[in-house]
Amino acid sequence: MYPFIEKVIKCLTQSLMDTMPEVRCEAARALGTMVKCIGSQRSEDLKHWLFEVLKSYCSAEKRSGAAEGTNLSHYYV
C-alpha cells in the first residue's frame, strides 16, 4: 500500500473540497484512518496543507473539508 499512499492522499484531499457534505465527511474519515495507519511522522505535510487551507480565504466548502480532515486526523492519532 505504501507505494500508492501519495495518490490515495491526493484523491482524498480533492474529495475533502467537494461541494457535497457527505463526500467531505467520508473523505475526512478515510483520511483520518490513513493518518492512523501511516503514522503522524509521515502525515506532517498533509496536516500542514490542511492548516493552510483553514487559514486561506477560499470557499466555505474547502474550509469545512479541511476542518473535518484536521479534526479526524487528530482524532485517530
PDB file of N, CA and C in Angstrom:
ATOM      1  N   MET A   1       0.807  -1.192   0.000  1.00  0.00           N
ATOM      2  CA  MET A   1       0.000   0.000   0.000  1.00  0.00           C
ATOM      3  C   MET A   1       0.856   1.264   0.000  1.00  0.00           C
ATOM      4  N   TYR A   2       2.029   1.208   0.583  1.00  0.00           N
ATOM      5  CA  TYR A   2       2.846   2.415   0.701  1.00  0.00           C
ATOM      6  C   TYR A   2       3.211   3.059  -0.630  1.00  0.00           C
ATOM      7  N   PRO A   3       3.428   2.296  -1.717  1.00  0.00           N
ATOM      8  CA  PRO A   3       3.725   2.992  -2.977  1.00  0.00           C
ATOM      9  C   PRO A   3       2.574   3.854  -3.486  1.00  0.00           C
ATOM     10  N   PHE A   4       1.365   3.561  -3.051  1.00  0.00           N
ATOM     11  CA  PHE A   4       0.197   4.271  -3.551  1.00  0.00           C
ATOM     12  C   PHE A   4      -0.330   5.334  -2.596  1.00  0.00           C
ATOM     13  N   ILE A   5       0.305   5.510  -1.479  1.00  0.00           N
ATOM     14  CA  ILE A   5      -0.212   6.428  -0.464  1.00  0.00           C
ATOM     15  C   ILE A   5      -0.356   7.849  -0.993  1.00  0.00           C
ATOM     16  N   GLU A   6       0.630   8.330  -1.713  1.00  0.00           N
ATOM     17  CA  GLU A   6       0.566   9.702  -2.224  1.00  0.00           C
ATOM     18  C   GLU A   6      -0.612   9.893  -3.163  1.00  0.00           C
ATOM     19  N   LYS A   7      -0.878   8.917  -4.013  1.00  0.00           N
ATOM     20  CA  LYS A   7      -2.008   9.018  -4.940  1.00  0.00           C
ATOM     21  C   LYS A   7      -3.338   8.969  -4.187  1.00  0.00           C
ATOM     22  N   VAL A   8      -3.429   8.105  -3.195  1.00  0.00           N
ATOM     23  CA  VAL A   8      -4.655   7.993  -2.417  1.00  0.00           C
ATOM     24  C   VAL A   8      -4.898   9.273  -1.628  1.00  0.00           C
ATOM     25  N   ILE A   9      -3.865   9.812  -1.015  1.00  0.00           N
ATOM     26  CA  ILE A   9      -3.997  11.052  -0.249  1.00  0.00           C
ATOM     27  C   ILE A   9      -4.423  12.193  -1.168  1.00  0.00           C
ATOM     28  N   LYS A  10      -3.878  12.241  -2.364  1.00  0.00           N
ATOM     29  CA  LYS A  10      -4.259  13.291  -3.314  1.00  0.00           C
ATOM     30  C   LYS A  10      -5.743  13.191  -3.655  1.00  0.00           C
ATOM     31  N   CYS A  11      -6.235  11.996  -3.897  1.00  0.00           N
ATOM     32  CA  CYS A  11      -7.666  11.806  -4.190  1.00  0.00           C
ATOM     33  C   CYS A  11      -8.532  12.187  -2.993  1.00  0.00           C
ATOM     34  N   LEU A  12      -8.084  11.819  -1.798  1.00  0.00           N
ATOM     35  CA  LEU A  12      -8.864  12.142  -0.604  1.00  0.00           C
ATOM     36  C   LEU A  12      -8.885  13.641  -0.330  1.00  0.00           C
ATOM     37  N   THR A  13      -7.763  14.312  -0.548  1.00  0.00           N
ATOM     38  CA  THR A  13      -7.743  15.760  -0.318  1.00  0.00           C
ATOM     39  C   THR A  13      -8.622  16.474  -1.341  1.00  0.00           C
ATOM     40  N   GLN A  14      -8.692  15.970  -2.566  1.00  0.00           N
ATOM     41  CA  GLN A  14      -9.607  16.552  -3.546  1.00  0.00           C
ATOM     42  C   GLN A  14     -11.048  16.323  -3.120  1.00  0.00           C
ATOM     43  N   SER A  15     -11.317  15.162  -2.548  1.00  0.00           N
ATOM     44  CA  SER A  15     -12.674  14.854  -2.085  1.00  0.00           C
ATOM     45  C   SER A  15     -13.059  15.697  -0.878  1.00  0.00           C
ATOM     46  N   LEU A  16     -12.076  16.115  -0.083  1.00  0.00           N
ATOM     47  CA  LEU A  16     -12.362  17.000   1.047  1.00  0.00           C
ATOM     48  C   LEU A  16     -12.917  18.342   0.595  1.00  0.00           C
ATOM     49  N   MET A  17     -12.660  18.716  -0.645  1.00  0.00           N
ATOM     50  CA  MET A  17     -13.091  20.003  -1.173  1.00  0.00           C
ATOM     51  C   MET A  17     -14.382  19.896  -1.976  1.00  0.00           C
ATOM     52  N   ASP A  18     -15.036  18.745  -1.934  1.00  0.00           N
ATOM     53  CA  ASP A  18     -16.264  18.525  -2.686  1.00  0.00           C
ATOM     54  C   ASP A  18     -17.393  19.401  -2.147  1.00  0.00           C
ATOM     55  N   THR A  19     -18.375  19.679  -2.989  1.00  0.00           N
ATOM     56  CA  THR A  19     -19.492  20.514  -2.563  1.00  0.00           C
ATOM     57  C   THR A  19     -20.512  19.746  -1.727  1.00  0.00           C
ATOM     58  N   MET A  20     -20.499  18.425  -1.806  1.00  0.00           N
ATOM     59  CA  MET A  20     -21.450  17.620  -1.043  1.00  0.00           C
ATOM     60  C   MET A  20     -20.885  17.295   0.339  1.00  0.00           C
ATOM     61  N   PRO A  21     -21.594  17.629   1.409  1.00  0.00           N
ATOM     62  CA  PRO A  21     -21.101  17.383   2.766  1.00  0.00           C
ATOM     63  C   PRO A  21     -20.834  15.906   3.058  1.00  0.00           C
ATOM     64  N   GLU A  22     -21.627  15.018   2.477  1.00  0.00           N
ATOM     65  CA  GLU A  22     -21.433  13.581   2.712  1.00  0.00           C
ATOM     66  C   GLU A  22     -20.098  13.105   2.157  1.00  0.00           C
ATOM     67  N   VAL A  23     -19.725  13.625   0.995  1.00  0.00           N
ATOM     68  CA  VAL A  23     -18.447  13.257   0.383  1.00  0.00           C
ATOM     69  C   VAL A  23     -17.296  13.761   1.235  1.00  0.00           C
ATOM     70  N   ARG A  24     -17.407  15.010   1.698  1.00  0.00           N
ATOM     71  CA  ARG A  24     -16.360  15.572   2.561  1.00  0.00           C
ATOM     72  C   ARG A  24     -16.219  14.773   3.845  1.00  0.00           C
ATOM     73  N   CYS A  25     -17.332  14.362   4.428  1.00  0.00           N
ATOM     74  CA  CYS A  25     -17.310  13.608   5.682  1.00  0.00           C
ATOM     75  C   CYS A  25     -16.624  12.254   5.499  1.00  0.00           C
ATOM     76  N   GLU A  26     -16.982  11.543   4.447  1.00  0.00           N
ATOM     77  CA  GLU A  26     -16.369  10.238   4.219  1.00  0.00           C
ATOM     78  C   GLU A  26     -14.895  10.356   3.846  1.00  0.00           C
ATOM     79  N   ALA A  27     -14.544  11.399   3.095  1.00  0.00           N
ATOM     80  CA  ALA A  27     -13.134  11.620   2.762  1.00  0.00           C
ATOM     81  C   ALA A  27     -12.338  11.927   4.028  1.00  0.00           C
ATOM     82  N   ALA A  28     -12.920  12.699   4.931  1.00  0.00           N
ATOM     83  CA  ALA A  28     -12.245  13.017   6.197  1.00  0.00           C
ATOM     84  C   ALA A  28     -12.055  11.760   7.033  1.00  0.00           C
ATOM     85  N   ARG A  29     -13.059  10.910   7.078  1.00  0.00           N
ATOM     86  CA  ARG A  29     -12.920   9.652   7.822  1.00  0.00           C
ATOM     87  C   ARG A  29     -11.813   8.784   7.235  1.00  0.00           C
ATOM     88  N   ALA A  30     -11.824   8.667   5.912  1.00  0.00           N
ATOM     89  CA  ALA A  30     -10.798   7.856   5.262  1.00  0.00           C
ATOM     90  C   ALA A  30      -9.411   8.445   5.490  1.00  0.00           C
ATOM     91  N   LEU A  31      -9.316   9.756   5.446  1.00  0.00           N
ATOM     92  CA  LEU A  31      -8.031  10.419   5.674  1.00  0.00           C
ATOM     93  C   LEU A  31      -7.564  10.208   7.111  1.00  0.00           C
ATOM     94  N   GLY A  32      -8.486  10.282   8.062  1.00  0.00           N
ATOM     95  CA  GLY A  32      -8.130  10.022   9.458  1.00  0.00           C
ATOM     96  C   GLY A  32      -7.613   8.613   9.660  1.00  0.00           C
ATOM     97  N   THR A  33      -8.265   7.654   9.027  1.00  0.00           N
ATOM     98  CA  THR A  33      -7.807   6.270   9.112  1.00  0.00           C
ATOM     99  C   THR A  33      -6.447   6.107   8.457  1.00  0.00           C
ATOM    100  N   MET A  34      -6.238   6.791   7.346  1.00  0.00           N
ATOM    101  CA  MET A  34      -4.957   6.729   6.645  1.00  0.00           C
ATOM    102  C   MET A  34      -3.841   7.287   7.523  1.00  0.00           C
ATOM    103  N   VAL A  35      -4.104   8.402   8.194  1.00  0.00           N
ATOM    104  CA  VAL A  35      -3.105   9.009   9.091  1.00  0.00           C
ATOM    105  C   VAL A  35      -2.777   8.048  10.230  1.00  0.00           C
ATOM    106  N   LYS A  36      -3.792   7.390  10.741  1.00  0.00           N
ATOM    107  CA  LYS A  36      -3.573   6.421  11.812  1.00  0.00           C
ATOM    108  C   LYS A  36      -2.646   5.298  11.342  1.00  0.00           C
ATOM    109  N   CYS A  37      -2.833   4.841  10.117  1.00  0.00           N
ATOM    110  CA  CYS A  37      -2.040   3.726   9.593  1.00  0.00           C
ATOM    111  C   CYS A  37      -0.613   4.134   9.239  1.00  0.00           C
ATOM    112  N   ILE A  38      -0.452   5.318   8.667  1.00  0.00           N
ATOM    113  CA  ILE A  38       0.900   5.701   8.229  1.00  0.00           C
ATOM    114  C   ILE A  38       1.689   6.388   9.329  1.00  0.00           C
ATOM    115  N   GLY A  39       1.019   6.818  10.384  1.00  0.00           N
ATOM    116  CA  GLY A  39       1.725   7.459  11.488  1.00  0.00           C
ATOM    117  C   GLY A  39       1.824   8.957  11.310  1.00  0.00           C
ATOM    118  N   SER A  40       1.984   9.634  12.407  1.00  0.00           N
ATOM    119  CA  SER A  40       2.000  11.097  12.377  1.00  0.00           C
ATOM    120  C   SER A  40       3.257  11.661  11.712  1.00  0.00           C
ATOM    121  N   GLN A  41       4.343  10.919  11.751  1.00  0.00           N
ATOM    122  CA  GLN A  41       5.588  11.396  11.144  1.00  0.00           C
ATOM    123  C   GLN A  41       5.429  11.599   9.633  1.00  0.00           C
ATOM    124  N   ARG A  42       4.798  10.643   8.982  1.00  0.00           N
ATOM    125  CA  ARG A  42       4.638  10.713   7.528  1.00  0.00           C
ATOM    126  C   ARG A  42       3.496  11.616   7.113  1.00  0.00           C
ATOM    127  N   SER A  43       2.658  12.012   8.039  1.00  0.00           N
ATOM    128  CA  SER A  43       1.485  12.815   7.685  1.00  0.00           C
ATOM    129  C   SER A  43       1.655  14.300   7.979  1.00  0.00           C
ATOM    130  N   GLU A  44       2.843  14.729   8.323  1.00  0.00           N
ATOM    131  CA  GLU A  44       3.064  16.139   8.656  1.00  0.00           C
ATOM    132  C   GLU A  44       2.766  17.069   7.482  1.00  0.00           C
ATOM    133  N   ASP A  45       3.137  16.686   6.259  1.00  0.00           N
ATOM    134  CA  ASP A  45       2.852  17.521   5.089  1.00  0.00           C
ATOM    135  C   ASP A  45       1.353  17.684   4.899  1.00  0.00           C
ATOM    136  N   LEU A  46       0.627  16.613   5.115  1.00  0.00           N
ATOM    137  CA  LEU A  46      -0.820  16.657   4.981  1.00  0.00           C
ATOM    138  C   LEU A  46      -1.427  17.595   6.015  1.00  0.00           C
ATOM    139  N   LYS A  47      -0.993  17.495   7.258  1.00  0.00           N
ATOM    140  CA  LYS A  47      -1.517  18.364   8.308  1.00  0.00           C
ATOM    141  C   LYS A  47      -1.186  19.829   8.023  1.00  0.00           C
ATOM    142  N   HIS A  48       0.020  20.077   7.522  1.00  0.00           N
ATOM    143  CA  HIS A  48       0.410  21.443   7.176  1.00  0.00           C
ATOM    144  C   HIS A  48      -0.515  21.982   6.084  1.00  0.00           C
ATOM    145  N   TRP A  49      -0.786  21.170   5.070  1.00  0.00           N
ATOM    146  CA  TRP A  49      -1.665  21.582   3.984  1.00  0.00           C
ATOM    147  C   TRP A  49      -3.075  21.881   4.510  1.00  0.00           C
ATOM    148  N   LEU A  50      -3.586  21.023   5.389  1.00  0.00           N
ATOM    149  CA  LEU A  50      -4.922  21.237   5.949  1.00  0.00           C
ATOM    150  C   LEU A  50      -5.004  22.557   6.708  1.00  0.00           C
ATOM    151  N   PHE A  51      -3.970  22.872   7.496  1.00  0.00           N
ATOM    152  CA  PHE A  51      -3.970  24.131   8.237  1.00  0.00           C
ATOM    153  C   PHE A  51      -3.865  25.333   7.301  1.00  0.00           C
ATOM    154  N   GLU A  52      -3.129  25.189   6.204  1.00  0.00           N
ATOM    155  CA  GLU A  52      -3.034  26.282   5.239  1.00  0.00           C
ATOM    156  C   GLU A  52      -4.392  26.558   4.599  1.00  0.00           C
ATOM    157  N   VAL A  53      -5.134  25.514   4.269  1.00  0.00           N
ATOM    158  CA  VAL A  53      -6.468  25.697   3.706  1.00  0.00           C
ATOM    159  C   VAL A  53      -7.382  26.367   4.727  1.00  0.00           C
ATOM    160  N   LEU A  54      -7.275  25.957   5.985  1.00  0.00           N
ATOM    161  CA  LEU A  54      -8.105  26.565   7.025  1.00  0.00           C
ATOM    162  C   LEU A  54      -7.844  28.067   7.161  1.00  0.00           C
ATOM    163  N   LYS A  55      -6.601  28.484   6.980  1.00  0.00           N
ATOM    164  CA  LYS A  55      -6.236  29.885   7.141  1.00  0.00           C
ATOM    165  C   LYS A  55      -6.480  30.720   5.891  1.00  0.00           C
ATOM    166  N   SER A  56      -6.734  30.060   4.755  1.00  0.00           N
ATOM    167  CA  SER A  56      -6.863  30.791   3.495  1.00  0.00           C
ATOM    168  C   SER A  56      -8.255  31.403   3.336  1.00  0.00           C
ATOM    169  N   TYR A  57      -8.372  32.247   2.353  1.00  0.00           N
ATOM    170  CA  TYR A  57      -9.642  32.892   2.042  1.00  0.00           C
ATOM    171  C   TYR A  57     -10.315  32.167   0.878  1.00  0.00           C
ATOM    172  N   CYS A  58     -10.557  30.882   1.043  1.00  0.00           N
ATOM    173  CA  CYS A  58     -11.210  30.101  -0.006  1.00  0.00           C
ATOM    174  C   CYS A  58     -12.670  29.874   0.371  1.00  0.00           C
ATOM    175  N   SER A  59     -13.338  29.069  -0.403  1.00  0.00           N
ATOM    176  CA  SER A  59     -14.770  28.854  -0.184  1.00  0.00           C
ATOM    177  C   SER A  59     -15.042  28.150   1.144  1.00  0.00           C
ATOM    178  N   ALA A  60     -16.272  28.282   1.580  1.00  0.00           N
ATOM    179  CA  ALA A  60     -16.674  27.653   2.837  1.00  0.00           C
ATOM    180  C   ALA A  60     -16.582  26.137   2.750  1.00  0.00           C
ATOM    181  N   GLU A  61     -16.862  25.571   1.568  1.00  0.00           N
ATOM    182  CA  GLU A  61     -16.774  24.120   1.405  1.00  0.00           C
ATOM    183  C   GLU A  61     -15.344  23.631   1.613  1.00  0.00           C
ATOM    184  N   LYS A  62     -14.392  24.352   1.054  1.00  0.00           N
ATOM    185  CA  LYS A  62     -12.990  23.951   1.197  1.00  0.00           C
ATOM    186  C   LYS A  62     -12.544  24.035   2.651  1.00  0.00           C
ATOM    187  N   ARG A  63     -12.885  25.126   3.315  1.00  0.00           N
ATOM    188  CA  ARG A  63     -12.508  25.258   4.720  1.00  0.00           C
ATOM    189  C   ARG A  63     -13.210  24.221   5.586  1.00  0.00           C
ATOM    190  N   SER A  64     -14.453  23.930   5.260  1.00  0.00           N
ATOM    191  CA  SER A  64     -15.188  22.912   6.005  1.00  0.00           C
ATOM    192  C   SER A  64     -14.544  21.536   5.838  1.00  0.00           C
ATOM    193  N   GLY A  65     -14.156  21.207   4.617  1.00  0.00           N
ATOM    194  CA  GLY A  65     -13.482  19.930   4.365  1.00  0.00           C
ATOM    195  C   GLY A  65     -12.149  19.848   5.082  1.00  0.00           C
ATOM    196  N   ALA A  66     -11.405  20.948   5.059  1.00  0.00           N
ATOM    197  CA  ALA A  66     -10.118  20.968   5.761  1.00  0.00           C
ATOM    198  C   ALA A  66     -10.320  20.834   7.265  1.00  0.00           C
ATOM    199  N   ALA A  67     -11.385  21.453   7.792  1.00  0.00           N
ATOM    200  CA  ALA A  67     -11.665  21.348   9.223  1.00  0.00           C
ATOM    201  C   ALA A  67     -12.017  19.911   9.597  1.00  0.00           C
ATOM    202  N   GLU A  68     -12.837  19.260   8.774  1.00  0.00           N
ATOM    203  CA  GLU A  68     -13.186  17.867   9.049  1.00  0.00           C
ATOM    204  C   GLU A  68     -11.953  16.970   8.968  1.00  0.00           C
ATOM    205  N   GLY A  69     -11.125  17.198   7.953  1.00  0.00           N
ATOM    206  CA  GLY A  69      -9.903  16.404   7.813  1.00  0.00           C
ATOM    207  C   GLY A  69      -8.950  16.600   8.970  1.00  0.00           C
ATOM    208  N   THR A  70      -8.810  17.838   9.416  1.00  0.00           N
ATOM    209  CA  THR A  70      -7.941  18.130  10.547  1.00  0.00           C
ATOM    210  C   THR A  70      -8.472  17.474  11.816  1.00  0.00           C
ATOM    211  N   ASN A  71      -9.756  17.595  12.021  1.00  0.00           N
ATOM    212  CA  ASN A  71     -10.389  17.029  13.199  1.00  0.00           C
ATOM    213  C   ASN A  71     -10.172  15.521  13.255  1.00  0.00           C
ATOM    214  N   LEU A  72     -10.475  14.828  12.180  1.00  0.00           N
ATOM    215  CA  LEU A  72     -10.378  13.372  12.207  1.00  0.00           C
ATOM    216  C   LEU A  72      -8.944  12.882  12.144  1.00  0.00           C
ATOM    217  N   SER A  73      -8.047  13.648  11.537  1.00  0.00           N
ATOM    218  CA  SER A  73      -6.652  13.210  11.528  1.00  0.00           C
ATOM    219  C   SER A  73      -6.063  13.315  12.941  1.00  0.00           C
ATOM    220  N   HIS A  74      -6.509  14.307  13.734  1.00  0.00           N
ATOM    221  CA  HIS A  74      -6.060  14.411  15.123  1.00  0.00           C
ATOM    222  C   HIS A  74      -6.761  13.382  16.017  1.00  0.00           C
ATOM    223  N   TYR A  75      -8.006  13.081  15.689  1.00  0.00           N
ATOM    224  CA  TYR A  75      -8.774  12.128  16.473  1.00  0.00           C
ATOM    225  C   TYR A  75      -8.171  10.722  16.396  1.00  0.00           C
ATOM    226  N   TYR A  76      -7.736  10.329  15.217  1.00  0.00           N
ATOM    227  CA  TYR A  76      -7.243   8.975  15.017  1.00  0.00           C
ATOM    228  C   TYR A  76      -5.792   8.790  15.463  1.00  0.00           C
ATOM    229  N   VAL A  77      -5.057   9.862  15.663  1.00  0.00           N
ATOM    230  CA  VAL A  77      -3.643   9.720  16.050  1.00  0.00           C
ATOM    231  C   VAL A  77      -3.507   9.602  17.525  1.00  0.00           C
TER     232      VAL A  77
END
